[in-house]
Structure formats: C-alpha cells, structure tokens
Amino acid sequence: MQTTRKKKRFDVSPKPYNSFGDYLCKKYSGQILKLPINAKFSCPNRDGKISFGGCVFCAEDGSASPSASSQFDIITQMNTAKEGFKRSSKTGAYIAYFQAFTNTYSSCEKLKLLYDTAISQNDIIGLMIATRPDCLSDDIVNLIAEYAKDDFELWVELGMQSAHDKTLNYLNRGHDFNCTEDAINRLADKNIPICVHIILGVPGETWHDMMHTANVLAKLPISGIKFHQMHIIKGTRLAKIHEENPILQISMKEYVSYICDFLERTRKNVLIHRLTGDRDASTLIAPLWGLHKGSIQKAISDEFEKRGTYQGFLIEE
C-alpha cells in the first residue's frame, strides 16, 4: 500500500527523525557542542566487582574522546575541547559531557565535586552523564536530580544496548534488562531525561530481536536514543573473538534499513542523539563503512524519503 508522508513532522527538526542537534539549536538559538570529560572513573565490569576486562566491545579508553585525557584535570580537558572546535564567541555554549567509563561509579561526595567543577564555567548550559544501569543507587539518582532545572540541559546516558538478556550476556554487560528497566523508571520518577545507547547488528540478534527492543523502548519513559553499529575495535575482547572466528558483519545498507525500521517504531517525542557510532580509522577493525558517517546519515534520510515514512510512523497516536 502506498504511504503518504506529512510535510511537517517535527517542530524542532526538518529531518524525518527528531534530531537532538536541531532541538538544541532551536532551544538555545545556536549550535551547542559537548565537551568530553575523562574523570578517571573505572567500571565494575573492569575492576572485578562484577567482572574483569569490561564489555566485549569496550576499548581501553572507555569510549573517551582524544581530547579527554585523564592526565589532565577536568577544566583543562574542557578548554582543550573548546580550542579544538575553533568556534566564534557568538555561539560559545557547551554541555559538560562525562563520557569515559562509568561516571556514577563513586561516592556522592566525589561525584558532586566533579559535576560542580564541570558546570562552574559561565558558558556551560548542561550536564551529560554516561553510566551503567547497575551504578545508579537511589542516593546518586537524587544527587543528579538536584541539577534538573528549566534552563539547564541535564541528561543521563544509559548503556542499554538491547532489551534481550541473551545479547547482554554475549556483550558481557554484567546485568540483565530488568536492571536497565528499573534504572530508567527510577530516573524518570525524578524527571531526569534519559538517553539510552542501542547497538544494532550484535551477533546473534535477528531483525525481530532488534524490533522487539524498539517496541519495548516505545513503552518506557526515555527521552533520547543514541545508536551504534556493532564496532570491532582493536584491543577489545570482541576483536579477539573476531580473530579466532570471524564475525559476520551487517552491511551499511542493512544498518540503514534497521535504523529506519527502528525509528518507525520510536515515539516522535524521543530525541535522536546519534544515528551511527564513529571511531578513528587507526583503531577500527570492522565494519569499515562506519568511517563514512556523513554518507550513512544521508542514506538514512534517503531511505525514509523512499519509504515515505518517518520516526513514529508505525505508532501514530
């Protein structure tokens, strides 16, 4: 049956999906960039509390940006990132982004000191905290909730990856989906916006598995999604698995199709923080098509145009 796409789908974005970047630009009347921070945290999946070695896909840098070196203090890292952006003073507003490893894996006293330091500069309009669902005690959730206010962009990035326990076991996450769901609900109860990380193309997951995750998310109180393809990065446990028994990779065409299928099942009010992960070519083993981020984004928009659909198309209210 022929479908008809609406001319206007989102108040904040002209794209066929609800872009986080466009939302920020409209809300703050200019481009807002994130300043990545490595606050020297560890992870219970690395230090032995749960396991050693981390998730199978996690590199030694814990997803840290090159500008976020733990040998420097937080303010130095943030200033280095600003210099790298080379932006004009007219649009100088930023979000402090605690990115590397598990950024709630400490005491409330230490976390408050670090968060307060990061947002102390006048050009910081937000705080973004990447963490695991099993590192969010009620005390830490209450601490994060203290930063929530109308004129401040607060987000918790939660490593969900999938709604399937079999997938979480394969990835060596060290927790089940019930743990993720509980963390989402407790954060939402405190009105803390949540962005979940989702990996598409995990070995063993079928199309139906991925769409089940989409359908589950449609019923949970999340505010954002960040998508990743299944990267194989040098030095990871996944790289060793791949070396011993090559992992079948999904193609760029398949990934684009999965993203569109997933977004058609995603509520229209959910902000899409990222459509594809990126990695430096020197550390990436596969898939190499992941190096062409702009091409992937264009292919996704083109696929939506071809289908005549958009984010939320299959769950219209």
Protein backbone atom coordinates (compact mmCIF):
# COMPACT_ATOMS: atom_id res chain seq x y z
CA MET A 1 0.00 0.00 0.00
CA GLN A 2 1.31 3.47 -0.89
CA THR A 3 2.14 5.63 2.14
CA THR A 4 1.95 9.40 2.33
CA ARG A 5 4.45 11.38 4.33
CA LYS A 6 3.39 14.51 6.16
CA LYS A 7 5.10 17.73 5.04
CA LYS A 8 5.90 18.77 8.61
CA ARG A 9 6.74 16.13 11.19
CA PHE A 10 8.80 17.77 13.93
CA ASP A 11 8.73 21.23 15.42
CA VAL A 12 12.48 21.23 16.09
CA SER A 13 13.86 19.42 13.04
CA PRO A 14 13.30 19.33 9.26
CA LYS A 15 14.65 15.77 9.20
CA PRO A 16 12.49 12.61 9.15
CA TYR A 17 13.63 11.98 12.71
CA ASN A 18 13.67 14.14 15.84
CA SER A 19 17.28 15.37 15.84
CA PHE A 20 18.89 16.22 19.19
CA GLY A 21 21.25 18.67 17.49
CA ASP A 22 18.36 20.53 15.88
CA TYR A 23 16.50 20.58 19.20
CA LEU A 24 19.48 22.19 20.94
CA CYS A 25 19.97 24.72 18.14
CA LYS A 26 16.35 25.84 18.30
CA LYS A 27 16.13 25.92 22.09
CA TYR A 28 19.35 27.87 22.61
CA SER A 29 19.34 29.88 19.36
CA GLY A 30 22.66 28.48 18.18
CA GLN A 31 24.83 25.41 17.95
CA ILE A 32 25.59 23.69 21.25
CA LEU A 33 28.58 21.35 21.45
CA LYS A 34 29.58 18.77 24.05
CA LEU A 35 32.89 18.95 25.92
CA PRO A 36 34.02 15.34 26.58
CA ILE A 37 35.48 14.62 30.01
CA ASN A 38 37.53 11.70 31.31
CA ALA A 39 37.21 11.93 35.09
CA LYS A 40 39.37 8.85 35.79
CA PHE A 41 36.43 6.64 36.70
CA SER A 42 36.65 2.88 36.45
CA CYS A 43 33.87 0.38 35.87
CA PRO A 44 32.55 -2.53 37.98
CA ASN A 45 32.87 -4.65 34.85
CA ARG A 46 36.62 -3.94 34.76
CA ASP A 47 37.80 -3.72 38.36
CA GLY A 48 36.49 -7.13 39.42
CA LYS A 49 33.35 -6.07 41.30
CA ILE A 50 31.35 -7.76 38.55
CA SER A 51 33.97 -8.91 36.08
CA PHE A 52 37.34 -8.11 34.56
CA GLY A 53 38.02 -6.86 31.04
CA GLY A 54 34.81 -4.92 30.55
CA CYS A 55 32.18 -5.35 27.87
CA VAL A 56 33.39 -7.22 24.80
CA PHE A 57 33.15 -4.08 22.63
CA CYS A 58 34.75 -1.62 25.08
CA ALA A 59 38.20 -0.29 24.23
CA GLU A 60 40.88 0.58 26.78
CA ASP A 61 39.95 4.26 26.55
CA GLY A 62 36.39 3.54 27.66
CA SER A 63 34.94 5.43 24.68
CA ALA A 64 36.83 8.57 25.68
CA SER A 65 37.35 11.35 23.15
CA PRO A 66 41.01 12.00 22.20
CA SER A 67 40.73 15.48 23.78
CA ALA A 68 39.62 13.97 27.10
CA SER A 69 42.88 12.70 28.51
CA SER A 70 42.76 11.59 32.14
CA GLN A 71 46.25 13.00 32.71
CA PHE A 72 44.70 16.49 32.70
CA ASP A 73 42.19 18.00 35.12
CA ILE A 74 38.57 18.47 34.06
CA ILE A 75 38.80 22.18 33.26
CA THR A 76 41.91 21.66 31.11
CA GLN A 77 40.17 18.90 29.17
CA MET A 78 37.16 21.12 28.57
CA ASN A 79 39.27 24.07 27.44
CA THR A 80 41.24 21.81 25.09
CA ALA A 81 37.99 20.64 23.51
CA LYS A 82 36.83 24.24 23.09
CA GLU A 83 40.04 25.16 21.31
CA GLY A 84 39.60 22.18 19.01
CA PHE A 85 36.16 23.36 17.94
CA LYS A 86 37.57 26.76 16.84
CA ARG A 87 34.18 28.37 17.19
CA SER A 88 33.26 32.06 17.36
CA SER A 89 32.46 33.67 20.68
CA LYS A 90 28.95 34.45 19.46
CA THR A 91 27.90 30.81 19.72
CA GLY A 92 30.06 29.68 22.64
CA ALA A 93 27.76 27.50 24.73
CA TYR A 94 28.53 23.92 25.75
CA ILE A 95 27.39 20.81 27.60
CA ALA A 96 29.83 19.22 30.04
CA TYR A 97 29.89 15.57 28.98
CA PHE A 98 31.20 12.95 31.40
CA GLN A 99 31.90 10.36 28.71
CA ALA A 100 34.63 7.84 29.58
CA PHE A 101 33.83 4.67 31.53
CA THR A 102 31.14 4.73 34.30
CA ASN A 103 30.53 8.26 35.53
CA THR A 104 28.43 7.44 38.58
CA TYR A 105 30.83 4.82 39.93
CA SER A 106 31.93 6.68 43.04
CA SER A 107 30.62 8.29 46.21
CA CYS A 108 28.02 11.04 46.05
CA GLU A 109 30.51 13.44 47.64
CA LYS A 110 33.11 12.91 44.91
CA LEU A 111 30.53 12.95 42.14
CA LYS A 112 29.08 16.25 43.32
CA LEU A 113 32.54 17.83 43.43
CA LEU A 114 33.31 16.69 39.87
CA TYR A 115 29.92 17.68 38.44
CA ASP A 116 30.03 21.08 40.16
CA THR A 117 33.53 21.72 38.82
CA ALA A 118 32.48 20.88 35.27
CA ILE A 119 29.49 23.21 35.24
CA SER A 120 31.21 26.08 37.03
CA GLN A 121 32.13 27.93 33.83
CA ASN A 122 29.71 30.55 32.53
CA ASP A 123 29.44 29.03 29.04
CA ILE A 124 28.21 25.63 30.30
CA ILE A 125 24.46 25.21 29.81
CA GLY A 126 24.17 21.50 30.53
CA LEU A 127 25.48 18.32 32.11
CA MET A 128 25.52 14.90 30.44
CA ILE A 129 26.49 11.79 32.44
CA ALA A 130 27.23 8.44 30.77
CA THR A 131 26.84 5.44 33.03
CA ARG A 132 25.59 1.88 33.57
CA PRO A 133 22.14 0.96 34.92
CA ASP A 134 23.68 -1.01 37.79
CA CYS A 135 25.60 2.06 39.05
CA LEU A 136 22.64 4.25 39.93
CA SER A 137 21.77 3.95 43.60
CA ASP A 138 18.85 5.99 44.90
CA ASP A 139 21.30 8.42 46.52
CA ILE A 140 23.07 9.01 43.20
CA VAL A 141 19.77 9.43 41.37
CA ASN A 142 18.76 12.01 43.98
CA LEU A 143 22.09 13.81 43.52
CA ILE A 144 21.66 14.01 39.74
CA ALA A 145 18.10 15.25 40.18
CA GLU A 146 19.47 18.28 42.04
CA TYR A 147 20.85 19.58 38.72
CA ALA A 148 17.49 19.48 36.95
CA LYS A 149 16.06 22.89 36.11
CA ASP A 150 14.27 24.52 33.21
CA ASP A 151 17.21 26.50 31.85
CA PHE A 152 19.74 23.65 32.14
CA GLU A 153 20.25 20.70 29.77
CA LEU A 154 20.56 17.64 32.03
CA TRP A 155 20.89 14.12 30.59
CA VAL A 156 21.83 10.67 31.81
CA GLU A 157 23.21 8.44 29.06
CA LEU A 158 22.42 4.85 29.94
CA GLY A 159 24.17 1.87 28.37
CA MET A 160 21.18 -0.31 27.50
CA GLN A 161 22.38 -1.85 24.18
CA SER A 162 19.45 -4.30 23.91
CA ALA A 163 16.28 -5.48 25.64
CA HIS A 164 17.44 -9.12 25.37
CA ASP A 165 19.32 -10.83 28.18
CA LYS A 166 20.96 -13.22 25.70
CA THR A 167 22.51 -10.21 23.97
CA LEU A 168 23.60 -8.61 27.24
CA ASN A 169 25.27 -11.90 28.20
CA TYR A 170 27.10 -12.04 24.85
CA LEU A 171 28.29 -8.47 25.35
CA ASN A 172 29.39 -9.31 28.92
CA ARG A 173 27.39 -6.42 30.32
CA GLY A 174 27.16 -7.92 33.80
CA HIS A 175 23.49 -7.04 34.31
CA ASP A 176 20.13 -8.04 32.86
CA PHE A 177 17.42 -5.99 31.19
CA ASN A 178 15.34 -5.81 34.37
CA CYS A 179 18.19 -3.79 35.89
CA THR A 180 18.04 -1.38 32.94
CA GLU A 181 14.27 -1.02 33.16
CA ASP A 182 14.46 -0.34 36.89
CA ALA A 183 17.11 2.36 36.40
CA ILE A 184 15.06 4.03 33.65
CA ASN A 185 11.94 4.14 35.80
CA ARG A 186 13.76 5.49 38.87
CA LEU A 187 15.45 8.24 36.83
CA ALA A 188 12.17 9.13 35.15
CA ASP A 189 10.43 9.34 38.53
CA LYS A 190 12.86 12.18 39.33
CA ASN A 191 12.19 13.86 35.96
CA ILE A 192 15.75 13.20 34.74
CA PRO A 193 15.92 12.93 30.93
CA ILE A 194 17.36 9.59 29.81
CA CYS A 195 19.20 8.79 26.58
CA VAL A 196 19.71 5.06 26.05
CA HIS A 197 22.51 3.58 23.96
CA ILE A 198 21.39 0.92 21.49
CA ILE A 199 23.66 -1.34 19.41
CA LEU A 200 22.32 -2.68 16.13
CA GLY A 201 23.94 -5.66 14.46
CA VAL A 202 25.03 -7.61 17.56
CA PRO A 203 25.97 -11.17 16.52
CA GLY A 204 23.02 -13.48 17.17
CA GLU A 205 20.35 -10.78 17.12
CA THR A 206 17.74 -11.07 14.39
CA TRP A 207 15.64 -8.31 12.85
CA HIS A 208 12.78 -9.41 15.12
CA ASP A 209 15.05 -9.10 18.17
CA MET A 210 16.01 -5.54 17.27
CA MET A 211 12.42 -4.54 16.58
CA HIS A 212 11.38 -6.06 19.91
CA THR A 213 13.85 -3.70 21.59
CA ALA A 214 12.27 -0.81 19.66
CA ASN A 215 8.79 -1.84 20.78
CA VAL A 216 9.94 -2.13 24.41
CA LEU A 217 11.50 1.34 24.31
CA ALA A 218 8.30 2.81 22.90
CA LYS A 219 6.65 1.97 26.23
CA LEU A 220 9.44 3.21 28.52
CA PRO A 221 9.86 6.82 29.80
CA ILE A 222 13.00 7.63 27.83
CA SER A 223 13.72 10.98 26.18
CA GLY A 224 16.52 10.09 23.79
CA ILE A 225 18.32 7.32 21.88
CA LYS A 226 21.92 7.08 20.70
CA PHE A 227 22.52 4.38 18.08
CA HIS A 228 25.74 2.47 17.41
CA GLN A 229 26.66 -0.18 14.89
CA MET A 230 28.48 -3.23 16.30
CA HIS A 231 32.05 -1.93 16.18
CA ILE A 232 35.01 -4.28 16.39
CA ILE A 233 37.84 -2.20 17.87
CA LYS A 234 41.47 -3.18 18.22
CA GLY A 235 42.46 -4.44 21.66
CA THR A 236 38.93 -5.43 22.72
CA ARG A 237 37.65 -8.87 23.64
CA LEU A 238 35.42 -8.71 20.57
CA ALA A 239 38.50 -8.24 18.40
CA LYS A 240 39.97 -11.44 19.82
CA ILE A 241 36.71 -13.32 19.18
CA HIS A 242 36.70 -11.97 15.62
CA GLU A 243 40.32 -13.04 15.08
CA GLU A 244 39.60 -16.60 16.19
CA ASN A 245 36.25 -16.92 14.40
CA PRO A 246 35.38 -14.01 12.04
CA ILE A 247 32.11 -12.32 12.96
CA LEU A 248 29.61 -11.84 10.16
CA GLN A 249 29.17 -8.09 9.69
CA ILE A 250 25.99 -6.37 8.66
CA SER A 251 26.31 -4.16 5.59
CA MET A 252 25.78 -0.41 5.56
CA LYS A 253 22.59 -1.00 3.56
CA GLU A 254 21.30 -3.37 6.24
CA TYR A 255 22.19 -0.94 9.01
CA VAL A 256 20.37 1.91 7.28
CA SER A 257 17.31 -0.31 6.89
CA TYR A 258 17.43 -1.40 10.56
CA ILE A 259 17.70 2.22 11.75
CA CYS A 260 14.67 3.27 9.71
CA ASP A 261 12.69 0.24 10.87
CA PHE A 262 13.62 1.02 14.48
CA LEU A 263 12.77 4.71 14.22
CA GLU A 264 9.40 3.99 12.65
CA ARG A 265 8.63 2.23 15.96
CA THR A 266 10.05 5.06 18.12
CA ARG A 267 7.84 7.72 19.68
CA LYS A 268 8.01 11.05 17.87
CA ASN A 269 8.91 12.95 21.05
CA VAL A 270 12.12 10.93 21.59
CA LEU A 271 15.23 12.88 20.57
CA ILE A 272 17.77 11.04 18.41
CA HIS A 273 21.20 11.95 19.77
CA ARG A 274 23.17 9.95 17.21
CA LEU A 275 22.39 7.68 14.27
CA THR A 276 25.75 5.96 14.00
CA GLY A 277 28.87 5.47 16.08
CA ASP A 278 32.23 6.69 14.90
CA ARG A 279 35.75 5.53 15.57
CA ASP A 280 39.22 6.54 14.47
CA ALA A 281 40.39 4.54 11.46
CA SER A 282 43.58 3.53 13.26
CA THR A 283 41.62 1.57 15.89
CA LEU A 284 38.68 0.25 13.85
CA ILE A 285 38.76 -3.31 12.53
CA ALA A 286 35.19 -3.51 11.23
CA PRO A 287 32.82 -2.50 9.78
CA LEU A 288 34.89 -0.06 7.72
CA TRP A 289 31.79 1.55 6.24
CA GLY A 290 31.36 3.09 9.69
CA LEU A 291 34.12 5.56 8.81
CA HIS A 292 31.76 7.36 6.42
CA LYS A 293 29.40 8.96 8.93
CA GLY A 294 28.03 11.61 6.56
CA SER A 295 27.20 9.02 3.92
CA ILE A 296 25.34 6.91 6.48
CA GLN A 297 23.26 9.85 7.67
CA LYS A 298 22.36 10.79 4.10
CA ALA A 299 21.47 7.19 3.28
CA ILE A 300 19.10 7.09 6.26
CA SER A 301 17.32 10.28 5.15
CA ASP A 302 17.17 8.95 1.57
CA GLU A 303 15.68 5.66 2.78
CA PHE A 304 12.97 7.48 4.72
CA GLU A 305 12.26 9.57 1.62
CA LYS A 306 11.98 6.41 -0.47
CA ARG A 307 9.62 4.79 2.04
CA GLY A 308 7.56 7.92 2.64
CA THR A 309 7.84 7.33 6.39
CA TYR A 310 9.48 8.94 9.44
CA GLN A 311 10.13 8.45 13.14
CA GLY A 312 6.98 7.26 14.88
CA PHE A 313 5.22 6.33 11.64
CA LEU A 314 4.09 2.93 12.95
CA ILE A 315 2.92 4.17 16.34
CA GLU A 316 0.92 7.25 15.37
CA GLU A 317 -1.34 8.37 18.18
